[in-house]
Amino acid sequence: MSKLNGVTGIVAAIAAVFASAGAAVPAPSATSLFMQTGSVTSQPIGHYEFCQKFKSECQIKSKSSVAPRVTDFGWETIREVNADVNHEITPITDMDFYGRDEVWAYPDGAGDCEDIALLKRKRLMEKGFSASDLLMTVVRKPDGEGHAVLTVRTAQGDFILDNLEDQVKIWAETPYRFLKRQASVNTGRWVTIENGAEVLVGSVGN
């Protein structure tokens, strides 16, 4: 493929998933569409170690910008990636797989919640989504257990890709307490979620 054709292909992919207006979007029933992020906070140890291995992925910096409006095709892509990865990767704990906790890695057939979220992020970036709009996010489940999901930042709201749920939901329709996520301007930095405990509604499957 020539360099020109390669650039054209990338531009076409981005145009297919983003639009300025009019794209269909899952209708939220909650009033809060967006997470309110706060101060810089600690980076999860697993993500820190992941960044030591994949340094370039954690050094992506961008200017603060308004999240893009996703097209119908973009939403179809998001849903397909979420469901495909959920069905492709067999859930297994880090302790069972590696013999220790908090190992963040791209899964090869099996992995836990953060591994699955990392793979979804990678797949969506390959399809034209920006790293600044695909944010690893740490939450707490109703039973108190920690959990990781992928937040897709859009003009229509912050949506969650979850290994426990094939349906892509607005963040406020999940049952989680949102703690922190990657900063949209720096993939190696994490920020608090200030309104993360205010929207504990909805439910997810086991």
C-alpha atoms as a PDB file:
ATOM      1  CA  MET A   1       0.000   0.000   0.000  1.00  0.00           C
ATOM      2  CA  SER A   2       1.360   3.426  -0.886  1.00  0.00           C
ATOM      3  CA  LYS A   3       1.834   6.099   1.758  1.00  0.00           C
ATOM      4  CA  LEU A   4      -0.941   8.192   0.154  1.00  0.00           C
ATOM      5  CA  ASN A   5      -3.378   5.282   0.167  1.00  0.00           C
ATOM      6  CA  GLY A   6      -2.488   4.560   3.783  1.00  0.00           C
ATOM      7  CA  VAL A   7      -3.252   8.138   4.839  1.00  0.00           C
ATOM      8  CA  THR A   8      -6.488   8.089   2.829  1.00  0.00           C
ATOM      9  CA  GLY A   9      -7.534   4.894   4.574  1.00  0.00           C
ATOM     10  CA  ILE A  10      -6.929   6.375   8.021  1.00  0.00           C
ATOM     11  CA  VAL A  11      -8.902   9.512   7.150  1.00  0.00           C
ATOM     12  CA  ALA A  12     -11.768   7.405   5.824  1.00  0.00           C
ATOM     13  CA  ALA A  13     -11.819   5.295   9.004  1.00  0.00           C
ATOM     14  CA  ILE A  14     -11.962   8.373  11.218  1.00  0.00           C
ATOM     15  CA  ALA A  15     -14.700   9.937   9.079  1.00  0.00           C
ATOM     16  CA  ALA A  16     -16.728   6.739   9.330  1.00  0.00           C
ATOM     17  CA  VAL A  17     -16.822   6.701  13.122  1.00  0.00           C
ATOM     18  CA  PHE A  18     -17.103  10.428  13.870  1.00  0.00           C
ATOM     19  CA  ALA A  19     -19.524  13.094  12.659  1.00  0.00           C
ATOM     20  CA  SER A  20     -20.427  16.640  13.584  1.00  0.00           C
ATOM     21  CA  ALA A  21     -24.108  15.941  14.220  1.00  0.00           C
ATOM     22  CA  GLY A  22     -27.110  13.708  13.736  1.00  0.00           C
ATOM     23  CA  ALA A  23     -25.793  10.271  14.663  1.00  0.00           C
ATOM     24  CA  ALA A  24     -28.031   7.840  16.517  1.00  0.00           C
ATOM     25  CA  VAL A  25     -26.996   7.088  20.085  1.00  0.00           C
ATOM     26  CA  PRO A  26     -28.341   4.853  22.868  1.00  0.00           C
ATOM     27  CA  ALA A  27     -30.877   6.991  24.720  1.00  0.00           C
ATOM     28  CA  PRO A  28     -29.799   7.610  28.325  1.00  0.00           C
ATOM     29  CA  SER A  29     -32.364   7.617  31.116  1.00  0.00           C
ATOM     30  CA  ALA A  30     -30.049   9.302  33.604  1.00  0.00           C
ATOM     31  CA  THR A  31     -29.519  13.052  33.779  1.00  0.00           C
ATOM     32  CA  SER A  32     -25.744  12.987  34.135  1.00  0.00           C
ATOM     33  CA  LEU A  33     -24.201  12.195  30.765  1.00  0.00           C
ATOM     34  CA  PHE A  34     -20.620  13.020  31.621  1.00  0.00           C
ATOM     35  CA  MET A  35     -18.182  12.199  34.397  1.00  0.00           C
ATOM     36  CA  GLN A  36     -16.776  15.225  36.186  1.00  0.00           C
ATOM     37  CA  THR A  37     -13.055  14.653  36.527  1.00  0.00           C
ATOM     38  CA  GLY A  38     -10.982  16.305  39.230  1.00  0.00           C
ATOM     39  CA  SER A  39      -7.371  16.339  40.354  1.00  0.00           C
ATOM     40  CA  VAL A  40      -4.502  14.108  39.305  1.00  0.00           C
ATOM     41  CA  THR A  41      -4.462  10.915  41.372  1.00  0.00           C
ATOM     42  CA  SER A  42      -2.401   7.758  41.775  1.00  0.00           C
ATOM     43  CA  GLN A  43      -1.879   5.509  38.778  1.00  0.00           C
ATOM     44  CA  PRO A  44      -2.962   1.910  39.404  1.00  0.00           C
ATOM     45  CA  ILE A  45       0.137  -0.226  39.982  1.00  0.00           C
ATOM     46  CA  GLY A  46      -0.935  -2.609  37.246  1.00  0.00           C
ATOM     47  CA  HIS A  47      -1.189   0.219  34.731  1.00  0.00           C
ATOM     48  CA  TYR A  48       2.173   1.596  35.843  1.00  0.00           C
ATOM     49  CA  GLU A  49       3.808  -1.760  35.157  1.00  0.00           C
ATOM     50  CA  PHE A  50       1.929  -2.032  31.843  1.00  0.00           C
ATOM     51  CA  CYS A  51       3.367   1.369  30.900  1.00  0.00           C
ATOM     52  CA  GLN A  52       6.899   0.164  31.616  1.00  0.00           C
ATOM     53  CA  LYS A  53       6.365  -2.546  29.015  1.00  0.00           C
ATOM     54  CA  PHE A  54       4.383  -0.487  26.492  1.00  0.00           C
ATOM     55  CA  LYS A  55       5.925   2.942  27.030  1.00  0.00           C
ATOM     56  CA  SER A  56       4.668   4.532  23.827  1.00  0.00           C
ATOM     57  CA  GLU A  57       1.049   3.788  24.742  1.00  0.00           C
ATOM     58  CA  CYS A  58       1.379   5.726  27.989  1.00  0.00           C
ATOM     59  CA  GLN A  59       3.088   8.782  26.523  1.00  0.00           C
ATOM     60  CA  ILE A  60       0.276   9.982  24.250  1.00  0.00           C
ATOM     61  CA  LYS A  61      -0.485  13.601  25.034  1.00  0.00           C
ATOM     62  CA  SER A  62      -3.144  15.779  23.435  1.00  0.00           C
ATOM     63  CA  LYS A  63      -4.755  19.146  23.906  1.00  0.00           C
ATOM     64  CA  SER A  64      -7.971  19.366  25.871  1.00  0.00           C
ATOM     65  CA  SER A  65     -10.830  19.059  23.405  1.00  0.00           C
ATOM     66  CA  VAL A  66     -14.557  18.493  23.139  1.00  0.00           C
ATOM     67  CA  ALA A  67     -15.428  14.822  22.725  1.00  0.00           C
ATOM     68  CA  PRO A  68     -16.470  13.856  19.176  1.00  0.00           C
ATOM     69  CA  ARG A  69     -19.991  12.996  18.056  1.00  0.00           C
ATOM     70  CA  VAL A  70     -20.048   9.341  17.015  1.00  0.00           C
ATOM     71  CA  THR A  71     -21.773   8.226  13.798  1.00  0.00           C
ATOM     72  CA  ASP A  72     -24.207   5.324  13.439  1.00  0.00           C
ATOM     73  CA  PHE A  73     -21.345   3.259  12.031  1.00  0.00           C
ATOM     74  CA  GLY A  74     -19.171   4.306  14.957  1.00  0.00           C
ATOM     75  CA  TRP A  75     -21.745   3.058  17.470  1.00  0.00           C
ATOM     76  CA  GLU A  76     -22.048  -0.203  15.574  1.00  0.00           C
ATOM     77  CA  THR A  77     -18.268  -0.565  15.764  1.00  0.00           C
ATOM     78  CA  ILE A  78     -18.229   0.151  19.506  1.00  0.00           C
ATOM     79  CA  ARG A  79     -20.954  -2.408  20.193  1.00  0.00           C
ATOM     80  CA  GLU A  80     -19.306  -5.057  18.034  1.00  0.00           C
ATOM     81  CA  VAL A  81     -15.896  -4.628  19.652  1.00  0.00           C
ATOM     82  CA  ASN A  82     -17.414  -4.794  23.134  1.00  0.00           C
ATOM     83  CA  ALA A  83     -19.375  -7.975  22.435  1.00  0.00           C
ATOM     84  CA  ASP A  84     -16.677  -9.657  20.332  1.00  0.00           C
ATOM     85  CA  VAL A  85     -13.943  -9.214  22.928  1.00  0.00           C
ATOM     86  CA  ASN A  86     -16.284 -10.289  25.744  1.00  0.00           C
ATOM     87  CA  HIS A  87     -17.007 -13.545  23.929  1.00  0.00           C
ATOM     88  CA  GLU A  88     -13.453 -14.046  22.679  1.00  0.00           C
ATOM     89  CA  ILE A  89     -11.646 -13.788  26.030  1.00  0.00           C
ATOM     90  CA  THR A  90     -12.253 -16.312  28.803  1.00  0.00           C
ATOM     91  CA  PRO A  91     -12.444 -14.573  32.200  1.00  0.00           C
ATOM     92  CA  ILE A  92      -9.709 -15.618  34.627  1.00  0.00           C
ATOM     93  CA  THR A  93      -8.208 -13.887  37.647  1.00  0.00           C
ATOM     94  CA  ASP A  94      -4.614 -12.659  37.675  1.00  0.00           C
ATOM     95  CA  MET A  95      -3.898 -14.916  40.636  1.00  0.00           C
ATOM     96  CA  ASP A  96      -5.070 -17.968  38.719  1.00  0.00           C
ATOM     97  CA  PHE A  97      -3.290 -16.954  35.506  1.00  0.00           C
ATOM     98  CA  TYR A  98      -0.074 -15.316  36.735  1.00  0.00           C
ATOM     99  CA  GLY A  99       0.094 -16.329  40.378  1.00  0.00           C
ATOM    100  CA  ARG A 100      -0.148 -12.701  41.542  1.00  0.00           C
ATOM    101  CA  ASP A 101      -2.612  -9.823  41.472  1.00  0.00           C
ATOM    102  CA  GLU A 102      -2.717  -6.613  39.444  1.00  0.00           C
ATOM    103  CA  VAL A 103      -1.129  -7.723  36.191  1.00  0.00           C
ATOM    104  CA  TRP A 104      -2.372  -5.561  33.320  1.00  0.00           C
ATOM    105  CA  ALA A 105      -1.681  -7.106  29.911  1.00  0.00           C
ATOM    106  CA  TYR A 106      -3.191  -7.732  26.498  1.00  0.00           C
ATOM    107  CA  PRO A 107      -4.991 -11.058  26.852  1.00  0.00           C
ATOM    108  CA  ASP A 108      -4.285 -14.051  24.651  1.00  0.00           C
ATOM    109  CA  GLY A 109      -7.420 -16.135  24.975  1.00  0.00           C
ATOM    110  CA  ALA A 110      -7.919 -15.447  28.680  1.00  0.00           C
ATOM    111  CA  GLY A 111      -7.683 -12.485  31.035  1.00  0.00           C
ATOM    112  CA  ASP A 112      -9.444 -10.428  33.683  1.00  0.00           C
ATOM    113  CA  CYS A 113     -11.435  -7.197  33.501  1.00  0.00           C
ATOM    114  CA  GLU A 114      -8.560  -4.772  32.919  1.00  0.00           C
ATOM    115  CA  ASP A 115      -6.964  -7.026  30.292  1.00  0.00           C
ATOM    116  CA  ILE A 116     -10.257  -7.196  28.405  1.00  0.00           C
ATOM    117  CA  ALA A 117     -10.690  -3.408  28.632  1.00  0.00           C
ATOM    118  CA  LEU A 118      -7.137  -2.890  27.302  1.00  0.00           C
ATOM    119  CA  LEU A 119      -7.879  -5.105  24.303  1.00  0.00           C
ATOM    120  CA  LYS A 120     -11.102  -3.226  23.526  1.00  0.00           C
ATOM    121  CA  ARG A 121      -9.168   0.046  23.684  1.00  0.00           C
ATOM    122  CA  LYS A 122      -6.539  -1.314  21.303  1.00  0.00           C
ATOM    123  CA  ARG A 123      -9.141  -2.627  18.845  1.00  0.00           C
ATOM    124  CA  LEU A 124     -11.028   0.683  18.786  1.00  0.00           C
ATOM    125  CA  MET A 125      -7.828   2.681  18.255  1.00  0.00           C
ATOM    126  CA  GLU A 126      -7.072   0.441  15.279  1.00  0.00           C
ATOM    127  CA  LYS A 127     -10.490   1.402  13.886  1.00  0.00           C
ATOM    128  CA  GLY A 128      -9.866   5.149  14.078  1.00  0.00           C
ATOM    129  CA  PHE A 129     -10.851   6.128  17.608  1.00  0.00           C
ATOM    130  CA  SER A 130      -8.522   8.473  19.486  1.00  0.00           C
ATOM    131  CA  ALA A 131      -6.620   7.415  22.594  1.00  0.00           C
ATOM    132  CA  SER A 132      -7.887  10.582  24.289  1.00  0.00           C
ATOM    133  CA  ASP A 133     -11.451   9.256  24.020  1.00  0.00           C
ATOM    134  CA  LEU A 134     -10.733   5.669  25.148  1.00  0.00           C
ATOM    135  CA  LEU A 135     -10.024   5.804  28.857  1.00  0.00           C
ATOM    136  CA  MET A 136      -9.221   2.960  31.222  1.00  0.00           C
ATOM    137  CA  THR A 137     -11.428   3.427  34.287  1.00  0.00           C
ATOM    138  CA  VAL A 138     -11.408   1.972  37.797  1.00  0.00           C
ATOM    139  CA  VAL A 139     -14.725   1.439  39.576  1.00  0.00           C
ATOM    140  CA  ARG A 140     -16.081  -0.324  42.638  1.00  0.00           C
ATOM    141  CA  LYS A 141     -18.836  -2.898  42.267  1.00  0.00           C
ATOM    142  CA  PRO A 142     -21.825  -2.963  44.659  1.00  0.00           C
ATOM    143  CA  ASP A 143     -20.188  -5.805  46.613  1.00  0.00           C
ATOM    144  CA  GLY A 144     -17.115  -3.624  47.188  1.00  0.00           C
ATOM    145  CA  GLU A 145     -14.851  -5.455  44.752  1.00  0.00           C
ATOM    146  CA  GLY A 146     -12.624  -3.401  42.458  1.00  0.00           C
ATOM    147  CA  HIS A 147     -13.321  -3.579  38.731  1.00  0.00           C
ATOM    148  CA  ALA A 148     -11.972  -2.040  35.516  1.00  0.00           C
ATOM    149  CA  VAL A 149     -13.938  -0.928  32.460  1.00  0.00           C
ATOM    150  CA  LEU A 150     -13.293   1.152  29.348  1.00  0.00           C
ATOM    151  CA  THR A 151     -14.899   4.578  29.065  1.00  0.00           C
ATOM    152  CA  VAL A 152     -15.626   5.872  25.568  1.00  0.00           C
ATOM    153  CA  ARG A 153     -15.818   9.647  25.682  1.00  0.00           C
ATOM    154  CA  THR A 154     -18.335  11.035  23.156  1.00  0.00           C
ATOM    155  CA  ALA A 155     -20.334  14.203  22.599  1.00  0.00           C
ATOM    156  CA  GLN A 156     -23.402  12.125  23.491  1.00  0.00           C
ATOM    157  CA  GLY A 157     -22.002  11.170  26.890  1.00  0.00           C
ATOM    158  CA  ASP A 158     -19.506   8.863  28.578  1.00  0.00           C
ATOM    159  CA  PHE A 159     -20.256   5.246  27.675  1.00  0.00           C
ATOM    160  CA  ILE A 160     -18.978   2.087  29.347  1.00  0.00           C
ATOM    161  CA  LEU A 161     -17.594  -1.049  27.730  1.00  0.00           C
ATOM    162  CA  ASP A 162     -17.749  -3.762  30.377  1.00  0.00           C
ATOM    163  CA  ASN A 163     -16.726  -7.409  30.303  1.00  0.00           C
ATOM    164  CA  LEU A 164     -19.776  -8.195  32.474  1.00  0.00           C
ATOM    165  CA  GLU A 165     -22.224  -6.651  29.996  1.00  0.00           C
ATOM    166  CA  ASP A 166     -22.490  -6.879  26.203  1.00  0.00           C
ATOM    167  CA  GLN A 167     -24.761  -3.827  26.085  1.00  0.00           C
ATOM    168  CA  VAL A 168     -22.933  -0.500  25.858  1.00  0.00           C
ATOM    169  CA  LYS A 169     -24.407   1.794  28.516  1.00  0.00           C
ATOM    170  CA  ILE A 170     -24.141   5.404  29.535  1.00  0.00           C
ATOM    171  CA  TRP A 171     -21.962   5.422  32.646  1.00  0.00           C
ATOM    172  CA  ALA A 172     -24.813   6.588  34.904  1.00  0.00           C
ATOM    173  CA  GLU A 173     -26.841   3.472  34.050  1.00  0.00           C
ATOM    174  CA  THR A 174     -24.283   1.122  35.564  1.00  0.00           C
ATOM    175  CA  PRO A 175     -24.316   0.072  39.247  1.00  0.00           C
ATOM    176  CA  TYR A 176     -20.740   1.137  39.889  1.00  0.00           C
ATOM    177  CA  ARG A 177     -19.038   3.742  42.022  1.00  0.00           C
ATOM    178  CA  PHE A 178     -16.582   5.433  39.667  1.00  0.00           C
ATOM    179  CA  LEU A 179     -13.221   6.172  41.271  1.00  0.00           C
ATOM    180  CA  LYS A 180     -10.709   7.312  38.655  1.00  0.00           C
ATOM    181  CA  ARG A 181      -9.781   7.109  34.996  1.00  0.00           C
ATOM    182  CA  GLN A 182      -7.024   7.982  32.568  1.00  0.00           C
ATOM    183  CA  ALA A 183      -6.779  11.683  31.789  1.00  0.00           C
ATOM    184  CA  SER A 184      -7.956  12.508  28.267  1.00  0.00           C
ATOM    185  CA  VAL A 185      -4.908  14.736  27.724  1.00  0.00           C
ATOM    186  CA  ASN A 186      -2.263  12.253  28.911  1.00  0.00           C
ATOM    187  CA  THR A 187      -2.555   8.472  28.694  1.00  0.00           C
ATOM    188  CA  GLY A 188      -0.019   8.005  31.496  1.00  0.00           C
ATOM    189  CA  ARG A 189      -1.888  10.225  33.970  1.00  0.00           C
ATOM    190  CA  TRP A 190      -4.975   9.400  36.045  1.00  0.00           C
ATOM    191  CA  VAL A 191      -7.619  11.741  37.478  1.00  0.00           C
ATOM    192  CA  THR A 192     -10.368  11.398  40.066  1.00  0.00           C
ATOM    193  CA  ILE A 193     -14.051  11.190  39.142  1.00  0.00           C
ATOM    194  CA  GLU A 194     -15.812  13.715  41.330  1.00  0.00           C
ATOM    195  CA  ASN A 195     -19.422  12.639  40.707  1.00  0.00           C
ATOM    196  CA  GLY A 196     -18.677   8.928  40.624  1.00  0.00           C
ATOM    197  CA  ALA A 197     -20.809   8.034  43.645  1.00  0.00           C
ATOM    198  CA  GLU A 198     -23.891  10.000  42.598  1.00  0.00           C
ATOM    199  CA  VAL A 199     -25.312   7.738  39.889  1.00  0.00           C
ATOM    200  CA  LEU A 200     -25.587   4.245  41.349  1.00  0.00           C
ATOM    201  CA  VAL A 201     -28.536   3.015  39.287  1.00  0.00           C
ATOM    202  CA  GLY A 202     -29.210   0.164  36.885  1.00  0.00           C
ATOM    203  CA  SER A 203     -27.808  -3.345  36.912  1.00  0.00           C
ATOM    204  CA  VAL A 204     -25.465  -5.625  34.997  1.00  0.00           C
ATOM    205  CA  GLY A 205     -25.430  -9.343  34.386  1.00  0.00           C
ATOM    206  CA  ASN A 206     -23.231 -11.748  36.311  1.00  0.00           C
END
